């Protein structure tokens, strides 16, 4: 029983580290959007995927960008129009979290 408890605790700690890593990446991606908004505006009307502090791709449809973003542990996905107030964070093919982007 002690081994099972130890493994469960180790898994819990590892999961917390992963969540911290995701939160850090989200903040870094938001900073990227803020710092590179003038560059991103050239993709007006396109859906973009930001991950790993860089533009990973621009797509003709949001759905296409959303499918592509599922490749990344954390990605901001949005259609470039005006500076986004809310972006969508893709944590995988089935999980989404909203992240506020403050000016």
N, C-alpha and C. Protein backbone atom coordinates (compact mmCIF):
# COMPACT_ATOMS: atom_id res chain seq x y z
N UNK A 1 0.82 -1.19 0.00
CA UNK A 1 0.00 0.00 0.00
C UNK A 1 0.87 1.26 0.00
N UNK A 2 1.97 1.25 0.70
CA UNK A 2 2.86 2.40 0.75
C UNK A 2 3.39 2.79 -0.62
N UNK A 3 3.67 1.78 -1.44
CA UNK A 3 4.16 2.03 -2.80
C UNK A 3 3.08 2.74 -3.62
N UNK A 4 1.84 2.29 -3.50
CA UNK A 4 0.74 2.90 -4.24
C UNK A 4 0.56 4.36 -3.84
N UNK A 5 0.65 4.65 -2.55
CA UNK A 5 0.51 6.03 -2.07
C UNK A 5 1.66 6.88 -2.58
N UNK A 6 2.87 6.34 -2.53
CA UNK A 6 4.04 7.08 -3.02
C UNK A 6 3.91 7.40 -4.51
N UNK A 7 3.45 6.43 -5.30
CA UNK A 7 3.27 6.65 -6.73
C UNK A 7 2.18 7.68 -7.00
N UNK A 8 1.11 7.63 -6.23
CA UNK A 8 0.02 8.60 -6.39
C UNK A 8 0.51 10.01 -6.06
N UNK A 9 1.27 10.14 -4.98
CA UNK A 9 1.80 11.46 -4.61
C UNK A 9 2.79 11.97 -5.66
N UNK A 10 3.63 11.10 -6.18
CA UNK A 10 4.58 11.48 -7.22
C UNK A 10 3.84 11.98 -8.47
N UNK A 11 2.78 11.26 -8.84
CA UNK A 11 1.97 11.69 -9.98
C UNK A 11 1.31 13.03 -9.75
N UNK A 12 0.84 13.27 -8.55
CA UNK A 12 0.20 14.55 -8.20
C UNK A 12 1.22 15.69 -8.30
N UNK A 13 2.42 15.48 -7.76
CA UNK A 13 3.47 16.50 -7.81
C UNK A 13 3.87 16.77 -9.25
N UNK A 14 4.04 15.72 -10.06
CA UNK A 14 4.39 15.90 -11.47
C UNK A 14 3.32 16.68 -12.21
N UNK A 15 2.05 16.41 -11.90
CA UNK A 15 0.94 17.12 -12.54
C UNK A 15 0.97 18.60 -12.18
N UNK A 16 1.29 18.93 -10.92
CA UNK A 16 1.38 20.33 -10.51
C UNK A 16 2.50 21.04 -11.27
N UNK A 17 3.61 20.37 -11.46
CA UNK A 17 4.72 20.95 -12.23
C UNK A 17 4.28 21.23 -13.66
N UNK A 18 3.55 20.30 -14.26
CA UNK A 18 3.06 20.48 -15.62
C UNK A 18 2.13 21.69 -15.69
N UNK A 19 1.22 21.84 -14.71
CA UNK A 19 0.32 22.98 -14.69
C UNK A 19 1.10 24.28 -14.58
N UNK A 20 2.14 24.32 -13.73
CA UNK A 20 2.97 25.51 -13.61
C UNK A 20 3.66 25.84 -14.93
N UNK A 21 4.17 24.81 -15.60
CA UNK A 21 4.82 25.00 -16.90
C UNK A 21 3.84 25.59 -17.91
N UNK A 22 2.61 25.08 -17.92
CA UNK A 22 1.59 25.57 -18.85
C UNK A 22 1.27 27.02 -18.55
N UNK A 23 1.10 27.36 -17.28
CA UNK A 23 0.80 28.75 -16.90
C UNK A 23 1.94 29.67 -17.33
N UNK A 24 3.17 29.25 -17.15
CA UNK A 24 4.31 30.06 -17.58
C UNK A 24 4.30 30.26 -19.09
N UNK A 25 4.03 29.19 -19.83
CA UNK A 25 4.02 29.31 -21.29
C UNK A 25 2.89 30.22 -21.75
N UNK A 26 1.74 30.12 -21.11
CA UNK A 26 0.62 31.00 -21.48
C UNK A 26 1.03 32.45 -21.28
N UNK A 27 1.62 32.77 -20.15
CA UNK A 27 2.05 34.15 -19.89
C UNK A 27 3.07 34.61 -20.93
N UNK A 28 4.00 33.72 -21.28
CA UNK A 28 5.01 34.08 -22.27
C UNK A 28 4.38 34.28 -23.65
N UNK A 29 3.39 33.46 -23.99
CA UNK A 29 2.71 33.62 -25.27
C UNK A 29 1.90 34.90 -25.32
N UNK A 30 1.27 35.27 -24.21
CA UNK A 30 0.53 36.53 -24.13
C UNK A 30 1.49 37.71 -24.31
N UNK A 31 2.64 37.63 -23.68
CA UNK A 31 3.66 38.68 -23.84
C UNK A 31 4.09 38.78 -25.31
N UNK A 32 4.22 37.64 -25.96
CA UNK A 32 4.59 37.63 -27.38
C UNK A 32 3.55 38.38 -28.20
N UNK A 33 2.27 38.08 -27.96
CA UNK A 33 1.19 38.75 -28.71
C UNK A 33 1.27 40.25 -28.50
N UNK A 34 1.43 40.68 -27.27
CA UNK A 34 1.52 42.12 -26.97
C UNK A 34 2.72 42.76 -27.67
N UNK A 35 3.87 42.10 -27.61
CA UNK A 35 5.10 42.66 -28.17
C UNK A 35 5.12 42.63 -29.70
N UNK A 36 4.40 41.69 -30.32
CA UNK A 36 4.47 41.52 -31.77
C UNK A 36 3.14 41.80 -32.46
N UNK A 37 2.27 42.55 -31.80
CA UNK A 37 0.95 42.79 -32.38
C UNK A 37 1.05 43.46 -33.75
N UNK A 38 1.97 44.40 -33.91
CA UNK A 38 2.09 45.08 -35.21
C UNK A 38 2.46 44.09 -36.31
N UNK A 39 3.26 43.07 -36.01
CA UNK A 39 3.59 42.03 -36.99
C UNK A 39 2.40 41.11 -37.24
N UNK A 40 1.66 40.80 -36.19
CA UNK A 40 0.53 39.88 -36.31
C UNK A 40 -0.61 40.50 -37.13
N UNK A 41 -0.71 41.83 -37.14
CA UNK A 41 -1.80 42.50 -37.87
C UNK A 41 -1.78 42.19 -39.36
N UNK A 42 -0.64 41.81 -39.90
CA UNK A 42 -0.59 41.49 -41.33
C UNK A 42 -1.37 40.23 -41.66
N UNK A 43 -1.77 39.49 -40.63
CA UNK A 43 -2.58 38.28 -40.81
C UNK A 43 -4.06 38.56 -40.53
N UNK A 44 -4.48 39.81 -40.72
CA UNK A 44 -5.86 40.19 -40.44
C UNK A 44 -6.84 39.27 -41.17
N UNK A 45 -7.82 38.77 -40.40
CA UNK A 45 -8.82 37.87 -40.96
C UNK A 45 -8.42 36.41 -40.91
N UNK A 46 -7.16 36.13 -40.57
CA UNK A 46 -6.68 34.75 -40.47
C UNK A 46 -6.66 34.32 -39.00
N UNK A 47 -6.79 33.04 -38.79
CA UNK A 47 -6.66 32.48 -37.45
C UNK A 47 -5.19 32.13 -37.23
N UNK A 48 -4.63 32.58 -36.13
CA UNK A 48 -3.22 32.33 -35.85
C UNK A 48 -3.07 31.45 -34.61
N UNK A 49 -1.94 30.76 -34.56
CA UNK A 49 -1.59 29.92 -33.42
C UNK A 49 -0.26 30.42 -32.89
N UNK A 50 -0.26 30.80 -31.60
CA UNK A 50 0.94 31.26 -30.93
C UNK A 50 1.30 30.21 -29.88
N UNK A 51 2.52 29.70 -29.95
CA UNK A 51 2.99 28.73 -28.97
C UNK A 51 4.51 28.79 -28.93
N UNK A 52 5.06 28.55 -27.76
CA UNK A 52 6.51 28.58 -27.64
C UNK A 52 7.08 29.95 -27.93
N UNK A 53 6.31 30.98 -27.59
CA UNK A 53 6.72 32.38 -27.78
C UNK A 53 7.00 32.74 -29.24
N UNK A 54 6.23 32.10 -30.16
CA UNK A 54 6.37 32.47 -31.56
C UNK A 54 5.10 32.11 -32.32
N UNK A 55 4.97 32.72 -33.49
CA UNK A 55 3.86 32.41 -34.38
C UNK A 55 4.13 31.05 -35.01
N UNK A 56 3.24 30.10 -34.74
CA UNK A 56 3.42 28.75 -35.27
C UNK A 56 2.74 28.57 -36.62
N UNK A 57 1.71 29.39 -36.89
CA UNK A 57 1.04 29.27 -38.16
C UNK A 57 -0.14 30.22 -38.26
N UNK A 58 -0.52 30.53 -39.52
CA UNK A 58 -1.70 31.35 -39.81
C UNK A 58 -2.56 30.54 -40.77
N UNK A 59 -3.89 30.54 -40.53
CA UNK A 59 -4.79 29.66 -41.26
C UNK A 59 -6.02 30.42 -41.74
N UNK A 60 -6.63 29.91 -42.77
CA UNK A 60 -7.82 30.52 -43.35
C UNK A 60 -9.06 30.37 -42.49
N UNK A 61 -9.07 29.37 -41.61
CA UNK A 61 -10.24 29.19 -40.74
C UNK A 61 -9.79 28.92 -39.31
N UNK A 62 -10.67 29.28 -38.39
CA UNK A 62 -10.40 29.05 -36.98
C UNK A 62 -10.31 27.55 -36.69
N UNK A 63 -11.19 26.77 -37.29
CA UNK A 63 -11.19 25.33 -37.06
C UNK A 63 -9.87 24.69 -37.47
N UNK A 64 -9.33 25.13 -38.61
CA UNK A 64 -8.05 24.60 -39.07
C UNK A 64 -6.94 24.95 -38.07
N UNK A 65 -6.95 26.20 -37.60
CA UNK A 65 -5.96 26.63 -36.62
C UNK A 65 -6.12 25.85 -35.31
N UNK A 66 -7.35 25.62 -34.92
CA UNK A 66 -7.63 24.89 -33.68
C UNK A 66 -7.10 23.46 -33.76
N UNK A 67 -7.33 22.80 -34.89
CA UNK A 67 -6.80 21.44 -35.07
C UNK A 67 -5.27 21.44 -34.98
N UNK A 68 -4.65 22.42 -35.66
CA UNK A 68 -3.20 22.52 -35.65
C UNK A 68 -2.67 22.77 -34.24
N UNK A 69 -3.36 23.62 -33.47
CA UNK A 69 -2.89 23.99 -32.14
C UNK A 69 -2.90 22.82 -31.16
N UNK A 70 -3.65 21.77 -31.45
CA UNK A 70 -3.69 20.62 -30.55
C UNK A 70 -2.36 19.88 -30.50
N UNK A 71 -1.44 20.21 -31.39
CA UNK A 71 -0.10 19.60 -31.39
C UNK A 71 0.76 20.11 -30.24
N UNK A 72 0.38 21.26 -29.66
CA UNK A 72 1.20 21.93 -28.67
C UNK A 72 0.64 21.73 -27.27
N UNK A 73 1.53 21.75 -26.29
CA UNK A 73 1.10 21.63 -24.90
C UNK A 73 0.21 22.81 -24.52
N UNK A 74 0.57 24.00 -24.97
CA UNK A 74 -0.21 25.21 -24.71
C UNK A 74 -0.10 26.12 -25.93
N UNK A 75 -1.23 26.66 -26.38
CA UNK A 75 -1.22 27.54 -27.55
C UNK A 75 -2.36 28.53 -27.45
N UNK A 76 -2.09 29.76 -27.87
CA UNK A 76 -3.15 30.75 -28.02
C UNK A 76 -3.63 30.66 -29.46
N UNK A 77 -4.93 30.61 -29.65
CA UNK A 77 -5.52 30.51 -30.98
C UNK A 77 -6.60 31.57 -31.10
N UNK A 78 -6.47 32.45 -32.11
CA UNK A 78 -7.47 33.50 -32.29
C UNK A 78 -7.41 34.02 -33.71
N UNK A 79 -8.51 34.67 -34.13
CA UNK A 79 -8.57 35.31 -35.44
C UNK A 79 -8.08 36.73 -35.28
N UNK A 80 -7.14 37.13 -36.12
CA UNK A 80 -6.57 38.48 -36.03
C UNK A 80 -7.56 39.47 -36.62
N UNK A 81 -8.01 40.36 -35.79
CA UNK A 81 -8.91 41.43 -36.21
C UNK A 81 -8.49 42.68 -35.46
N UNK A 82 -8.88 42.76 -34.22
CA UNK A 82 -8.38 43.81 -33.36
C UNK A 82 -7.66 43.10 -32.22
N UNK A 83 -6.86 43.81 -31.48
CA UNK A 83 -6.09 43.18 -30.42
C UNK A 83 -7.03 42.39 -29.52
N UNK A 84 -6.78 41.09 -29.34
CA UNK A 84 -7.73 40.24 -28.62
C UNK A 84 -7.82 40.58 -27.14
N UNK A 85 -9.03 40.49 -26.62
CA UNK A 85 -9.26 40.66 -25.19
C UNK A 85 -9.32 39.29 -24.51
N UNK A 86 -9.83 38.31 -25.25
CA UNK A 86 -9.87 36.94 -24.72
C UNK A 86 -9.36 36.02 -25.81
N UNK A 87 -8.44 35.16 -25.46
CA UNK A 87 -7.92 34.17 -26.39
C UNK A 87 -8.27 32.79 -25.87
N UNK A 88 -8.12 31.84 -26.70
CA UNK A 88 -8.41 30.47 -26.30
C UNK A 88 -7.11 29.72 -26.17
N UNK A 89 -6.95 29.04 -25.07
CA UNK A 89 -5.76 28.26 -24.82
C UNK A 89 -6.09 26.80 -25.06
N UNK A 90 -5.39 26.18 -25.98
CA UNK A 90 -5.61 24.77 -26.28
C UNK A 90 -4.64 23.94 -25.45
N UNK A 91 -5.18 23.07 -24.61
CA UNK A 91 -4.35 22.19 -23.80
C UNK A 91 -4.28 20.79 -24.39
N UNK A 92 -4.94 20.59 -25.48
CA UNK A 92 -4.98 19.30 -26.14
C UNK A 92 -6.24 19.23 -26.96
N UNK A 93 -6.50 18.14 -27.62
CA UNK A 93 -7.66 18.08 -28.52
C UNK A 93 -9.00 18.23 -27.81
N UNK A 94 -9.08 17.92 -26.51
CA UNK A 94 -10.36 17.96 -25.83
C UNK A 94 -10.45 19.00 -24.71
N UNK A 95 -9.40 19.73 -24.44
CA UNK A 95 -9.40 20.66 -23.31
C UNK A 95 -9.15 22.08 -23.77
N UNK A 96 -9.96 23.01 -23.27
CA UNK A 96 -9.80 24.42 -23.59
C UNK A 96 -9.94 25.24 -22.32
N UNK A 97 -9.18 26.30 -22.22
CA UNK A 97 -9.27 27.22 -21.11
C UNK A 97 -9.19 28.62 -21.70
N UNK A 98 -9.96 29.55 -21.17
CA UNK A 98 -9.86 30.93 -21.66
C UNK A 98 -8.81 31.67 -20.85
N UNK A 99 -8.06 32.47 -21.52
CA UNK A 99 -7.01 33.27 -20.88
C UNK A 99 -7.25 34.72 -21.27
N UNK A 100 -7.36 35.59 -20.28
CA UNK A 100 -7.55 37.00 -20.58
C UNK A 100 -6.22 37.61 -21.03
N UNK A 101 -6.32 38.45 -22.04
CA UNK A 101 -5.16 39.17 -22.54
C UNK A 101 -5.40 40.63 -22.22
N UNK A 102 -4.73 41.14 -21.25
CA UNK A 102 -4.91 42.52 -20.81
C UNK A 102 -3.97 43.42 -21.58
N UNK A 103 -4.45 44.58 -21.98
CA UNK A 103 -3.60 45.53 -22.71
C UNK A 103 -2.63 46.18 -21.78
